[in-house]
C-alpha atoms as a PDB file:
ATOM      1  CA  MET A   1      -8.964  -7.025  28.728  1.00  0.00           C
ATOM      2  CA  ALA A   2      -5.749  -9.007  29.253  1.00  0.00           C
ATOM      3  CA  ALA A   3      -2.699  -7.138  30.641  1.00  0.00           C
ATOM      4  CA  LYS A   4       0.077  -6.649  28.150  1.00  0.00           C
ATOM      5  CA  SER A   5       3.273  -8.423  29.260  1.00  0.00           C
ATOM      6  CA  GLU A   6       6.159  -5.942  29.415  1.00  0.00           C
ATOM      7  CA  ARG A   7       9.725  -7.089  29.249  1.00  0.00           C
ATOM      8  CA  SER A   8      12.839  -4.959  29.578  1.00  0.00           C
ATOM      9  CA  ASP A   9      15.304  -4.985  26.724  1.00  0.00           C
ATOM     10  CA  SER A  10      17.651  -7.201  28.713  1.00  0.00           C
ATOM     11  CA  GLU A  11      14.861  -9.858  29.007  1.00  0.00           C
ATOM     12  CA  MET A  12      14.026  -9.883  25.292  1.00  0.00           C
ATOM     13  CA  PRO A  13      15.607 -12.682  23.288  1.00  0.00           C
ATOM     14  CA  ARG A  14      18.412 -11.287  21.134  1.00  0.00           C
ATOM     15  CA  LEU A  15      18.030 -11.970  17.485  1.00  0.00           C
ATOM     16  CA  LEU A  16      21.167 -13.313  15.924  1.00  0.00           C
ATOM     17  CA  SER A  17      22.564 -11.630  12.782  1.00  0.00           C
ATOM     18  CA  PRO A  18      23.625 -13.842   9.886  1.00  0.00           C
ATOM     19  CA  ASP A  19      27.217 -13.260  10.961  1.00  0.00           C
ATOM     20  CA  ASP A  20      26.400 -14.364  14.520  1.00  0.00           C
ATOM     21  CA  LYS A  21      24.642 -17.401  13.197  1.00  0.00           C
ATOM     22  CA  ALA A  22      27.609 -18.275  10.912  1.00  0.00           C
ATOM     23  CA  ARG A  23      30.044 -17.840  13.824  1.00  0.00           C
ATOM     24  CA  ALA A  24      27.877 -19.994  16.105  1.00  0.00           C
ATOM     25  CA  ALA A  25      27.736 -22.731  13.416  1.00  0.00           C
ATOM     26  CA  GLN A  26      31.482 -22.556  12.949  1.00  0.00           C
ATOM     27  CA  LEU A  27      32.076 -22.867  16.657  1.00  0.00           C
ATOM     28  CA  GLN A  28      29.605 -25.759  17.058  1.00  0.00           C
ATOM     29  CA  ALA A  29      31.139 -27.606  14.080  1.00  0.00           C
ATOM     30  CA  ALA A  30      34.508 -27.335  15.895  1.00  0.00           C
ATOM     31  CA  ASN A  31      33.122 -28.688  19.181  1.00  0.00           C
ATOM     32  CA  ILE A  32      33.314 -25.255  20.830  1.00  0.00           C
ATOM     33  CA  ASN A  33      30.222 -24.178  22.704  1.00  0.00           C
ATOM     34  CA  PRO A  34      28.932 -21.118  20.896  1.00  0.00           C
ATOM     35  CA  ARG A  35      27.359 -19.637  24.028  1.00  0.00           C
ATOM     36  CA  THR A  36      30.507 -19.903  26.246  1.00  0.00           C
ATOM     37  CA  GLY A  37      33.290 -19.983  23.685  1.00  0.00           C
ATOM     38  CA  LEU A  38      34.846 -22.867  25.549  1.00  0.00           C
ATOM     39  CA  ALA A  39      35.850 -26.298  24.175  1.00  0.00           C
ATOM     40  CA  SER A  40      35.589 -29.523  26.308  1.00  0.00           C
ATOM     41  CA  ASP A  41      38.719 -30.836  24.591  1.00  0.00           C
ATOM     42  CA  TYR A  42      40.727 -28.937  27.228  1.00  0.00           C
ATOM     43  CA  LEU A  43      39.256 -31.200  29.918  1.00  0.00           C
ATOM     44  CA  ASN A  44      41.054 -34.195  28.311  1.00  0.00           C
ATOM     45  CA  HIS A  45      44.250 -32.703  29.686  1.00  0.00           C
ATOM     46  CA  PHE A  46      42.936 -33.278  33.185  1.00  0.00           C
ATOM     47  CA  ASN A  47      41.209 -36.537  32.356  1.00  0.00           C
ATOM     48  CA  GLU A  48      44.619 -37.869  31.267  1.00  0.00           C
ATOM     49  CA  ALA A  49      46.006 -37.150  34.747  1.00  0.00           C
ATOM     50  CA  ILE A  50      42.941 -38.693  36.402  1.00  0.00           C
ATOM     51  CA  MET A  51      43.294 -41.826  34.210  1.00  0.00           C
ATOM     52  CA  LEU A  52      46.958 -42.207  35.261  1.00  0.00           C
ATOM     53  CA  LEU A  53      46.126 -41.626  38.930  1.00  0.00           C
ATOM     54  CA  GLU A  54      43.330 -44.253  38.763  1.00  0.00           C
ATOM     55  CA  MET A  55      45.897 -46.828  37.605  1.00  0.00           C
ATOM     56  CA  VAL A  56      48.387 -46.209  40.344  1.00  0.00           C
ATOM     57  CA  PRO A  57      46.646 -48.410  43.058  1.00  0.00           C
ATOM     58  CA  ASP A  58      46.743 -51.510  40.789  1.00  0.00           C
ATOM     59  CA  MET A  59      49.923 -50.679  38.908  1.00  0.00           C
ATOM     60  CA  PRO A  60      52.278 -48.689  41.062  1.00  0.00           C
ATOM     61  CA  GLU A  61      54.622 -48.123  38.120  1.00  0.00           C
ATOM     62  CA  CYS A  62      52.025 -45.800  36.622  1.00  0.00           C
ATOM     63  CA  ALA A  63      52.989 -43.289  39.265  1.00  0.00           C
ATOM     64  CA  GLU A  64      56.000 -42.451  37.140  1.00  0.00           C
ATOM     65  CA  ASP A  65      53.759 -41.759  34.193  1.00  0.00           C
ATOM     66  CA  PHE A  66      51.618 -39.439  36.256  1.00  0.00           C
ATOM     67  CA  LEU A  67      54.725 -37.699  37.487  1.00  0.00           C
ATOM     68  CA  GLY A  68      55.532 -36.870  33.874  1.00  0.00           C
ATOM     69  CA  TRP A  69      52.205 -35.017  33.481  1.00  0.00           C
ATOM     70  CA  GLN A  70      52.711 -31.293  33.144  1.00  0.00           C
ATOM     71  CA  PRO A  71      50.093 -28.563  33.631  1.00  0.00           C
ATOM     72  CA  LEU A  72      49.022 -26.645  30.568  1.00  0.00           C
ATOM     73  CA  SER A  73      46.919 -23.544  30.345  1.00  0.00           C
ATOM     74  CA  TYR A  74      43.986 -23.474  27.969  1.00  0.00           C
ATOM     75  CA  ARG A  75      46.050 -21.656  25.371  1.00  0.00           C
ATOM     76  CA  GLU A  76      49.127 -23.943  25.867  1.00  0.00           C
ATOM     77  CA  HIS A  77      46.881 -27.013  25.535  1.00  0.00           C
ATOM     78  CA  PHE A  78      45.423 -25.988  22.216  1.00  0.00           C
ATOM     79  CA  THR A  79      48.691 -24.583  20.863  1.00  0.00           C
ATOM     80  CA  ALA A  80      50.373 -27.943  21.490  1.00  0.00           C
ATOM     81  CA  SER A  81      47.398 -30.082  20.350  1.00  0.00           C
ATOM     82  CA  ASN A  82      46.367 -31.535  17.022  1.00  0.00           C
ATOM     83  CA  PHE A  83      42.814 -30.160  17.614  1.00  0.00           C
ATOM     84  CA  LYS A  84      41.617 -29.238  14.116  1.00  0.00           C
ATOM     85  CA  ALA A  85      40.309 -25.850  15.133  1.00  0.00           C
ATOM     86  CA  ARG A  86      42.941 -24.948  17.725  1.00  0.00           C
ATOM     87  CA  ASP A  87      43.286 -21.311  16.573  1.00  0.00           C
ATOM     88  CA  LEU A  88      39.497 -20.954  16.634  1.00  0.00           C
ATOM     89  CA  ALA A  89      39.381 -22.478  20.158  1.00  0.00           C
ATOM     90  CA  ILE A  90      41.966 -19.995  21.479  1.00  0.00           C
ATOM     91  CA  ALA A  91      40.237 -17.010  19.781  1.00  0.00           C
ATOM     92  CA  ALA A  92      36.849 -18.095  21.125  1.00  0.00           C
ATOM     93  CA  TYR A  93      38.330 -18.536  24.650  1.00  0.00           C
ATOM     94  CA  GLU A  94      39.862 -15.077  24.499  1.00  0.00           C
ATOM     95  CA  ALA A  95      36.584 -13.616  23.336  1.00  0.00           C
ATOM     96  CA  ALA A  96      34.476 -15.452  25.912  1.00  0.00           C
ATOM     97  CA  ASP A  97      32.539 -13.581  28.581  1.00  0.00           C
ATOM     98  CA  THR A  98      35.110 -12.518  31.205  1.00  0.00           C
ATOM     99  CA  ALA A  99      32.952 -13.791  34.095  1.00  0.00           C
ATOM    100  CA  VAL A 100      32.532 -17.234  32.468  1.00  0.00           C
ATOM    101  CA  ARG A 101      36.212 -17.404  31.644  1.00  0.00           C
ATOM    102  CA  ALA A 102      37.193 -16.363  35.178  1.00  0.00           C
ATOM    103  CA  GLU A 103      34.978 -18.983  36.725  1.00  0.00           C
ATOM    104  CA  PHE A 104      36.368 -21.603  34.343  1.00  0.00           C
ATOM    105  CA  ASP A 105      39.983 -20.545  34.956  1.00  0.00           C
ATOM    106  CA  LYS A 106      39.412 -20.649  38.734  1.00  0.00           C
ATOM    107  CA  LEU A 107      38.328 -24.256  38.508  1.00  0.00           C
ATOM    108  CA  THR A 108      41.118 -25.291  36.155  1.00  0.00           C
ATOM    109  CA  SER A 109      43.642 -23.499  38.411  1.00  0.00           C
ATOM    110  CA  ALA A 110      42.376 -25.441  41.315  1.00  0.00           C
ATOM    111  CA  MET A 111      42.657 -28.743  39.470  1.00  0.00           C
ATOM    112  CA  THR A 112      46.207 -27.893  38.452  1.00  0.00           C
ATOM    113  CA  SER A 113      47.092 -26.919  42.034  1.00  0.00           C
ATOM    114  CA  ILE A 114      45.761 -30.215  43.384  1.00  0.00           C
ATOM    115  CA  LEU A 115      47.473 -32.309  40.711  1.00  0.00           C
ATOM    116  CA  MET A 116      50.811 -30.535  41.264  1.00  0.00           C
ATOM    117  CA  ALA A 117      50.564 -30.875  45.056  1.00  0.00           C
ATOM    118  CA  VAL A 118      49.809 -34.594  44.638  1.00  0.00           C
ATOM    119  CA  SER A 119      52.729 -34.929  42.241  1.00  0.00           C
ATOM    120  CA  ALA A 120      55.118 -33.311  44.764  1.00  0.00           C
ATOM    121  CA  ALA A 121      53.792 -35.546  47.535  1.00  0.00           C
ATOM    122  CA  MET A 122      54.172 -38.618  45.386  1.00  0.00           C
ATOM    123  CA  ARG A 123      57.793 -37.689  44.613  1.00  0.00           C
ATOM    124  CA  GLU A 124      58.497 -37.646  48.341  1.00  0.00           C
ATOM    125  CA  ALA A 125      56.525 -40.869  49.140  1.00  0.00           C
ATOM    126  CA  GLN A 126      58.698 -43.973  49.644  1.00  0.00           C
ATOM    127  CA  GLN A 127      55.915 -46.582  49.605  1.00  0.00           C
ATOM    128  CA  ASP A 128      53.588 -47.686  46.834  1.00  0.00           C
ATOM    129  CA  LYS A 129      50.747 -47.826  49.330  1.00  0.00           C
ATOM    130  CA  THR A 130      51.250 -44.110  50.126  1.00  0.00           C
ATOM    131  CA  ARG A 131      51.297 -43.242  46.452  1.00  0.00           C
ATOM    132  CA  ALA A 132      48.094 -45.273  45.940  1.00  0.00           C
ATOM    133  CA  THR A 133      46.428 -43.372  48.739  1.00  0.00           C
ATOM    134  CA  LEU A 134      47.453 -40.030  47.256  1.00  0.00           C
ATOM    135  CA  ALA A 135      46.163 -41.076  43.837  1.00  0.00           C
ATOM    136  CA  GLU A 136      42.845 -42.180  45.215  1.00  0.00           C
ATOM    137  CA  GLN A 137      42.397 -38.905  47.179  1.00  0.00           C
ATOM    138  CA  ALA A 138      43.387 -36.823  44.201  1.00  0.00           C
ATOM    139  CA  THR A 139      40.942 -38.387  41.877  1.00  0.00           C
ATOM    140  CA  GLY A 140      38.229 -37.856  44.449  1.00  0.00           C
ATOM    141  CA  TRP A 141      39.044 -34.166  44.502  1.00  0.00           C
ATOM    142  CA  VAL A 142      39.636 -33.559  40.809  1.00  0.00           C
ATOM    143  CA  LYS A 143      36.811 -35.524  39.167  1.00  0.00           C
ATOM    144  CA  PRO A 144      34.013 -33.319  40.585  1.00  0.00           C
ATOM    145  CA  LEU A 145      36.032 -30.218  39.470  1.00  0.00           C
ATOM    146  CA  VAL A 146      36.218 -31.567  35.919  1.00  0.00           C
ATOM    147  CA  ALA A 147      32.460 -32.059  36.047  1.00  0.00           C
ATOM    148  CA  LEU A 148      31.985 -28.486  37.260  1.00  0.00           C
ATOM    149  CA  ALA A 149      34.248 -27.205  34.499  1.00  0.00           C
ATOM    150  CA  GLY A 150      32.294 -29.223  31.935  1.00  0.00           C
ATOM    151  CA  GLY A 151      29.189 -27.482  33.183  1.00  0.00           C
ATOM    152  CA  ILE A 152      30.664 -24.106  32.641  1.00  0.00           C
ATOM    153  CA  ILE A 153      31.796 -25.143  29.066  1.00  0.00           C
ATOM    154  CA  ASN A 154      28.275 -26.329  28.353  1.00  0.00           C
ATOM    155  CA  GLY A 155      26.722 -23.179  29.701  1.00  0.00           C
ATOM    156  CA  ARG A 156      25.144 -24.511  32.910  1.00  0.00           C
ATOM    157  CA  GLY A 157      27.531 -22.897  35.316  1.00  0.00           C
ATOM    158  CA  ALA A 158      29.073 -24.287  38.511  1.00  0.00           C
ATOM    159  CA  GLU A 159      26.015 -23.799  40.682  1.00  0.00           C
ATOM    160  CA  ALA A 160      23.838 -26.066  38.478  1.00  0.00           C
ATOM    161  CA  ASP A 161      26.558 -28.729  38.479  1.00  0.00           C
ATOM    162  CA  VAL A 162      26.971 -28.662  42.231  1.00  0.00           C
ATOM    163  CA  ASP A 163      23.227 -29.370  42.447  1.00  0.00           C
ATOM    164  CA  TYR A 164      23.598 -32.167  39.969  1.00  0.00           C
ATOM    165  CA  ILE A 165      26.556 -33.740  41.744  1.00  0.00           C
ATOM    166  CA  MET A 166      24.925 -33.497  45.112  1.00  0.00           C
ATOM    167  CA  ASN A 167      21.725 -35.139  43.808  1.00  0.00           C
ATOM    168  CA  HIS A 168      23.373 -38.012  42.014  1.00  0.00           C
END
């Protein structure tokens, strides 16, 4: 006789109610991950800074454009954006699992700190070559963090993305 597989309640797949299914569909339609409650649109804020930094070595005048970049929290980004479901994005973020949100906020805070430190250093730099070096270093630091944040948004978590980055 085959042994019966026993699972604890926490291991059993949770059935979604019709309300849960409707909410998940609403989030998915708005490009918000229903599992995490996070939207990748927020990463565009950091990708904008990266794009400006990548232009600095070839076009030093773009440093001024980067210096105009201002950090925005998740809420601030969506409040100021034209994102069609911005209120839903903010509500989903606030309802997200606190551990997921804390991990995500830690990464975005690190990106913001790096970008603000580079901005301050660029303001002090007198030579275009120094600004170009700062820009190149910053993109090397921030791009992997954007990838990690994307992994959290997509429900993979930072650990899975570290493995992915290290293997590719």
